[in-house]
N, C-alpha and C. Protein backbone atom coordinates (compact mmCIF):
# COMPACT_ATOMS: atom_id res chain seq x y z
N MET A 1 1.00 -1.17 -0.47
CA MET A 1 0.13 0.09 -0.48
C MET A 1 0.80 1.30 -0.04
N ALA A 2 0.67 2.27 -0.72
CA ALA A 2 1.50 3.37 -1.06
C ALA A 2 1.03 4.23 0.40
N TYR A 3 1.84 5.28 0.95
CA TYR A 3 2.00 6.16 2.18
C TYR A 3 2.42 7.70 0.99
N ILE A 4 1.84 8.38 2.04
CA ILE A 4 2.50 10.10 2.21
C ILE A 4 3.18 9.95 3.34
N ASP A 5 5.01 10.04 3.15
CA ASP A 5 5.06 10.83 4.01
C ASP A 5 5.98 12.31 3.45
N LYS A 6 6.08 13.22 5.16
CA LYS A 6 5.56 14.04 5.24
C LYS A 6 7.22 14.03 6.01
N ILE A 7 8.67 15.35 5.19
CA ILE A 7 9.63 15.27 5.95
C ILE A 7 10.25 16.46 5.64
N LYS A 8 10.45 16.89 7.46
CA LYS A 8 11.12 17.96 6.74
C LYS A 8 12.89 18.36 6.75
N SER A 9 13.32 18.81 6.04
CA SER A 9 14.29 19.88 5.94
C SER A 9 14.58 21.24 6.57
N GLY A 10 15.37 21.25 6.98
CA GLY A 10 15.13 22.97 7.88
C GLY A 10 13.85 23.51 8.01
N LYS A 11 13.52 24.52 6.89
CA LYS A 11 12.55 24.90 7.28
C LYS A 11 11.27 24.42 6.32
N GLN A 12 11.51 24.26 4.83
CA GLN A 12 10.72 23.49 4.77
C GLN A 12 10.32 22.18 5.03
N THR A 13 9.48 21.82 4.36
CA THR A 13 8.56 20.05 4.13
C THR A 13 8.49 19.94 3.16
N PHE A 14 8.72 18.54 2.93
CA PHE A 14 8.21 18.19 1.92
C PHE A 14 8.05 16.54 1.61
N TYR A 15 6.98 16.83 0.50
CA TYR A 15 5.75 15.57 0.38
C TYR A 15 5.93 14.36 0.34
N TYR A 16 6.54 12.77 -0.51
CA TYR A 16 6.56 12.26 -0.49
C TYR A 16 5.75 11.13 -0.59
N LEU A 17 5.55 10.74 -1.70
CA LEU A 17 4.43 9.06 -2.26
C LEU A 17 5.63 8.36 -2.12
N GLY A 18 5.10 7.48 -1.01
CA GLY A 18 5.89 6.02 -1.15
C GLY A 18 5.44 5.11 -0.85
N LYS A 19 6.43 3.61 -1.07
CA LYS A 19 5.90 2.70 -1.50
C LYS A 19 7.59 1.53 -0.80
N THR A 20 7.20 0.44 0.56
CA THR A 20 7.67 -0.29 0.79
C THR A 20 7.84 -1.60 -0.11
N ILE A 21 8.76 -2.25 -0.34
CA ILE A 21 7.86 -3.22 -0.95
C ILE A 21 9.69 -4.75 -1.34
N ARG A 22 8.86 -5.76 -1.20
CA ARG A 22 9.48 -6.65 -1.02
C ARG A 22 10.61 -7.19 -1.70
N LEU A 23 11.65 -7.26 -1.79
CA LEU A 23 12.90 -8.34 -2.65
C LEU A 23 13.22 -9.35 -2.48
N SER A 24 13.08 -9.77 -1.21
CA SER A 24 13.60 -11.28 -0.74
C SER A 24 13.48 -11.25 0.22
N GLU A 25 14.02 -12.51 1.33
CA GLU A 25 13.39 -12.61 2.45
C GLU A 25 13.31 -11.37 3.29
N ASP A 26 14.70 -11.37 3.68
CA ASP A 26 15.10 -10.48 4.13
C ASP A 26 15.41 -9.21 4.03
N LYS A 27 15.36 -9.09 2.22
CA LYS A 27 15.21 -7.25 1.67
C LYS A 27 14.65 -6.66 1.14
N TRP A 28 14.54 -4.98 1.96
CA TRP A 28 13.50 -4.82 1.66
C TRP A 28 13.51 -3.67 0.29
N LYS A 29 12.81 -2.44 -0.45
CA LYS A 29 13.20 -1.56 -0.84
C LYS A 29 12.54 -0.47 -0.87
N LYS A 30 12.81 0.75 -0.71
CA LYS A 30 11.38 1.77 -0.45
C LYS A 30 11.95 2.60 -1.16
N ILE A 31 10.57 2.79 -2.33
CA ILE A 31 10.58 4.22 -3.43
C ILE A 31 9.88 5.22 -3.52
N ARG A 32 10.36 6.11 -3.17
CA ARG A 32 9.55 7.66 -3.36
C ARG A 32 9.54 8.58 -4.87
N ILE A 33 8.17 8.63 -4.67
CA ILE A 33 8.31 9.78 -5.58
C ILE A 33 7.77 11.08 -4.93
N LYS A 34 8.39 12.36 -5.54
CA LYS A 34 8.15 13.55 -4.81
C LYS A 34 7.22 14.81 -5.45
N LEU A 35 5.93 15.24 -4.25
CA LEU A 35 4.74 15.09 -4.30
C LEU A 35 5.31 17.04 -4.62
N GLY A 36 5.95 17.55 -3.90
CA GLY A 36 6.44 19.57 -3.62
C GLY A 36 6.62 19.79 -2.52
N THR A 37 6.02 20.62 -2.12
CA THR A 37 6.56 21.41 -1.19
C THR A 37 4.48 21.51 0.04
N GLU A 38 3.46 21.26 -1.05
CA GLU A 38 2.45 21.91 -0.52
C GLU A 38 1.79 20.82 -0.86
N ASN A 39 0.95 20.74 0.47
CA ASN A 39 -0.14 19.54 0.76
C ASN A 39 -0.84 18.54 -0.56
N PRO A 40 -0.30 17.22 -1.18
CA PRO A 40 -1.44 16.97 -2.49
C PRO A 40 -2.22 17.19 -2.29
N SER A 41 -2.57 17.67 -3.83
CA SER A 41 -4.23 16.98 -4.19
C SER A 41 -4.43 15.85 -4.59
N LYS A 42 -5.73 15.64 -4.07
CA LYS A 42 -5.87 13.51 -4.34
C LYS A 42 -5.95 13.62 -6.42
N GLU A 43 -5.38 13.90 -7.09
CA GLU A 43 -5.50 14.18 -8.66
C GLU A 43 -3.91 14.36 -8.35
N LEU A 44 -2.86 14.87 -7.75
CA LEU A 44 -1.82 14.95 -8.11
C LEU A 44 -1.41 13.20 -7.76
N ILE A 45 -1.95 13.12 -6.85
CA ILE A 45 -1.80 11.43 -6.02
C ILE A 45 -1.95 10.74 -6.40
N SER A 46 -2.62 10.09 -7.43
CA SER A 46 -3.39 9.67 -8.43
C SER A 46 -2.40 9.87 -9.68
N LYS A 47 -2.25 10.55 -9.84
CA LYS A 47 -1.15 10.98 -11.20
C LYS A 47 0.29 10.13 -10.70
N LYS A 48 0.39 10.52 -9.54
CA LYS A 48 2.21 10.04 -8.98
C LYS A 48 1.59 8.57 -8.41
N LEU A 49 0.92 8.07 -8.54
CA LEU A 49 0.31 6.75 -7.80
C LEU A 49 1.02 6.29 -9.31
N LYS A 50 0.39 6.34 -10.43
CA LYS A 50 0.96 5.25 -11.48
C LYS A 50 2.12 5.06 -12.10
N GLU A 51 2.67 6.49 -11.55
CA GLU A 51 4.41 7.14 -11.57
C GLU A 51 5.43 5.72 -10.70
N LEU A 52 4.66 5.46 -9.48
CA LEU A 52 4.73 4.54 -8.54
C LEU A 52 5.10 3.33 -8.64
N ARG A 53 3.48 2.61 -9.66
CA ARG A 53 3.48 1.69 -10.19
C ARG A 53 4.58 1.21 -10.67
N LEU A 54 4.46 2.25 -11.79
CA LEU A 54 5.85 1.65 -13.00
C LEU A 54 7.25 1.35 -12.25
N GLU A 55 7.66 2.53 -11.39
CA GLU A 55 8.65 2.05 -11.12
C GLU A 55 8.76 1.14 -9.91
N GLN A 56 7.91 1.14 -9.75
CA GLN A 56 7.35 -0.63 -9.40
C GLN A 56 7.69 -2.10 -9.84
N TYR A 57 7.12 -1.98 -10.84
CA TYR A 57 7.31 -3.06 -12.18
C TYR A 57 8.86 -2.69 -12.06
N ASP A 58 8.69 -1.99 -12.63
CA ASP A 58 10.64 -2.10 -12.66
C ASP A 58 11.79 -2.48 -12.00
N VAL A 59 11.17 -1.77 -10.17
CA VAL A 59 12.47 -2.73 -9.61
C VAL A 59 11.82 -4.02 -9.64
N TYR A 60 10.59 -4.97 -9.88
CA TYR A 60 10.38 -6.29 -9.99
C TYR A 60 11.39 -6.49 -10.98
N ASN A 61 11.01 -6.33 -12.22
CA ASN A 61 11.49 -6.50 -13.48
C ASN A 61 12.72 -6.51 -13.69
N ASP A 62 13.37 -6.19 -12.83
CA ASP A 62 14.80 -5.56 -12.95
C ASP A 62 15.51 -6.71 -13.17
N GLY A 63 16.81 -6.07 -14.58
CA GLY A 63 17.43 -7.38 -14.95
C GLY A 63 16.34 -8.31 -16.70
N TYR A 64 14.87 -7.76 -16.56
CA TYR A 64 14.15 -8.69 -18.02
C TYR A 64 13.78 -7.78 -18.84
N ILE A 65 13.80 -8.34 -19.65
CA ILE A 65 13.21 -7.39 -20.84
C ILE A 65 11.73 -6.60 -20.54
N GLY A 66 11.76 -5.68 -20.51
CA GLY A 66 10.73 -4.41 -20.77
C GLY A 66 8.78 -5.30 -21.18
N ALA A 67 8.14 -4.45 -21.16
CA ALA A 67 6.47 -5.57 -22.07
C ALA A 67 7.05 -4.48 -23.56
N ASP A 68 7.86 -3.59 -23.51
CA ASP A 68 7.70 -3.08 -24.92
C ASP A 68 8.21 -3.79 -25.37
N LYS A 69 9.66 -4.06 -25.36
CA LYS A 69 10.54 -4.34 -25.82
C LYS A 69 9.82 -6.14 -26.20
N LEU A 70 9.32 -6.57 -25.05
CA LEU A 70 8.83 -8.32 -25.85
C LEU A 70 7.83 -7.44 -26.92
N GLU A 71 6.81 -6.66 -26.93
CA GLU A 71 5.67 -6.35 -28.14
C GLU A 71 7.22 -6.38 -29.52
N VAL A 72 8.18 -5.56 -29.37
CA VAL A 72 8.47 -5.80 -30.31
C VAL A 72 9.67 -6.42 -31.71
N ILE A 73 9.24 -7.68 -30.23
CA ILE A 73 10.60 -8.82 -30.75
C ILE A 73 9.31 -9.84 -31.12
N ASP A 74 8.26 -9.79 -30.39
CA ASP A 74 7.72 -10.36 -31.63
C ASP A 74 6.19 -10.10 -33.27
N ASP A 75 6.37 -8.56 -32.87
CA ASP A 75 6.66 -8.27 -34.22
C ASP A 75 7.66 -8.76 -35.44
N PHE A 76 8.80 -8.36 -34.49
CA PHE A 76 9.89 -8.86 -35.57
C PHE A 76 9.39 -10.40 -36.01
N LYS A 77 9.48 -11.30 -34.71
CA LYS A 77 9.27 -13.00 -35.01
C LYS A 77 7.99 -13.02 -35.86
N GLU A 78 6.71 -12.18 -35.83
CA GLU A 78 5.57 -12.62 -37.06
C GLU A 78 5.72 -12.16 -38.71
N VAL A 79 7.12 -11.07 -38.46
CA VAL A 79 7.48 -10.71 -40.02
C VAL A 79 8.17 -11.64 -40.54
N TYR A 80 9.50 -11.97 -39.62
CA TYR A 80 9.90 -13.17 -39.96
C TYR A 80 9.40 -14.17 -40.63
N THR A 81 8.41 -15.19 -39.42
CA THR A 81 7.53 -16.23 -39.68
C THR A 81 7.12 -15.71 -41.63
N ASN A 82 6.25 -14.84 -41.30
CA ASN A 82 5.78 -14.58 -42.61
C ASN A 82 6.63 -14.68 -44.12
N HIS A 83 7.88 -14.43 -43.88
CA HIS A 83 8.63 -14.39 -44.58
C HIS A 83 9.04 -14.87 -45.15
N ILE A 84 9.76 -16.21 -43.84
CA ILE A 84 10.20 -17.58 -44.60
C ILE A 84 9.08 -18.55 -45.21
N ALA A 85 7.41 -18.10 -44.71
CA ALA A 85 6.48 -18.63 -44.89
C ALA A 85 6.38 -19.14 -46.44
N LYS A 86 6.65 -18.16 -47.48
CA LYS A 86 6.85 -17.51 -48.72
C LYS A 86 8.00 -17.94 -49.38
N LEU A 87 8.90 -18.71 -49.09
CA LEU A 87 9.74 -18.48 -49.40
C LEU A 87 10.10 -20.32 -49.52
N PRO A 88 10.69 -20.34 -51.11
CA PRO A 88 10.64 -21.99 -51.26
C PRO A 88 12.13 -22.64 -50.61
N LYS A 89 12.18 -23.71 -50.50
CA LYS A 89 12.33 -25.05 -49.63
C LYS A 89 13.87 -24.39 -50.18
N THR A 90 14.53 -24.72 -50.85
CA THR A 90 15.88 -24.35 -51.55
C THR A 90 16.86 -23.49 -50.79
N VAL A 91 15.65 -21.91 -51.54
CA VAL A 91 16.19 -20.76 -50.90
C VAL A 91 16.31 -20.94 -48.93
N ILE A 92 15.50 -21.53 -48.59
CA ILE A 92 15.61 -21.57 -47.31
C ILE A 92 17.20 -22.34 -46.31
N GLU A 93 17.15 -23.79 -47.24
CA GLU A 93 17.80 -24.55 -47.25
C GLU A 93 19.18 -23.58 -47.60
N LYS A 94 19.47 -22.95 -48.96
CA LYS A 94 20.56 -22.55 -49.09
C LYS A 94 21.20 -21.12 -47.78
N GLU A 95 19.95 -20.26 -47.17
CA GLU A 95 20.34 -19.38 -46.46
C GLU A 95 20.78 -19.64 -45.37
N GLU A 96 20.02 -21.12 -44.61
CA GLU A 96 20.84 -21.79 -43.62
C GLU A 96 22.34 -22.21 -43.94
N SER A 97 22.24 -22.76 -44.58
CA SER A 97 23.81 -23.62 -44.63
C SER A 97 25.03 -22.11 -44.83
N ASP A 98 24.44 -20.91 -45.56
CA ASP A 98 25.16 -19.76 -45.53
C ASP A 98 25.20 -19.27 -44.67
N PHE A 99 24.69 -19.58 -43.78
CA PHE A 99 24.41 -18.43 -41.90
C PHE A 99 25.55 -19.95 -41.25
N VAL A 100 25.10 -20.96 -41.78
CA VAL A 100 25.79 -21.71 -40.53
C VAL A 100 27.88 -21.50 -40.95
N ILE A 101 28.18 -20.89 -42.39
CA ILE A 101 29.79 -20.75 -43.26
C ILE A 101 29.93 -19.49 -42.61
N ARG A 102 28.79 -18.31 -42.40
CA ARG A 102 29.30 -17.21 -41.63
C ARG A 102 29.22 -16.94 -40.59
N PHE A 103 28.80 -18.02 -39.44
CA PHE A 103 29.42 -17.82 -38.07
C PHE A 103 30.12 -18.38 -37.88
N THR A 104 30.96 -19.52 -38.40
CA THR A 104 31.16 -20.22 -37.83
C THR A 104 32.45 -19.89 -38.64
N TYR A 105 33.03 -19.26 -39.47
CA TYR A 105 33.44 -17.86 -39.73
C TYR A 105 34.48 -16.80 -39.12
N ASN A 106 33.47 -16.45 -38.44
CA ASN A 106 33.09 -14.67 -37.92
C ASN A 106 33.32 -15.11 -36.20
N SER A 107 33.22 -16.88 -35.65
CA SER A 107 33.56 -16.73 -34.57
C SER A 107 34.91 -17.51 -33.84
């Protein structure tokens, strides 16, 4: 659950939208998004809550490919599959043998 932190620094008070998430059994991470120096409105909080969810997603999926990149990869895969389906078998076999030769030479 998200919460609002009120932190005083000198004479100013800063508001943060925060959330603490569990990374492992004994490891936690606090995520904070600055709301400003004024008491935040409900509209600002709901807008920043979306940013907080995105940051939480990034923390949980650190080291993995993002959803937007997976969509691009799927698009390339579909285009490639459609392209291969239209080619004659002899061309596909020639391209595969050419790939093996080039891969072996360059590695």
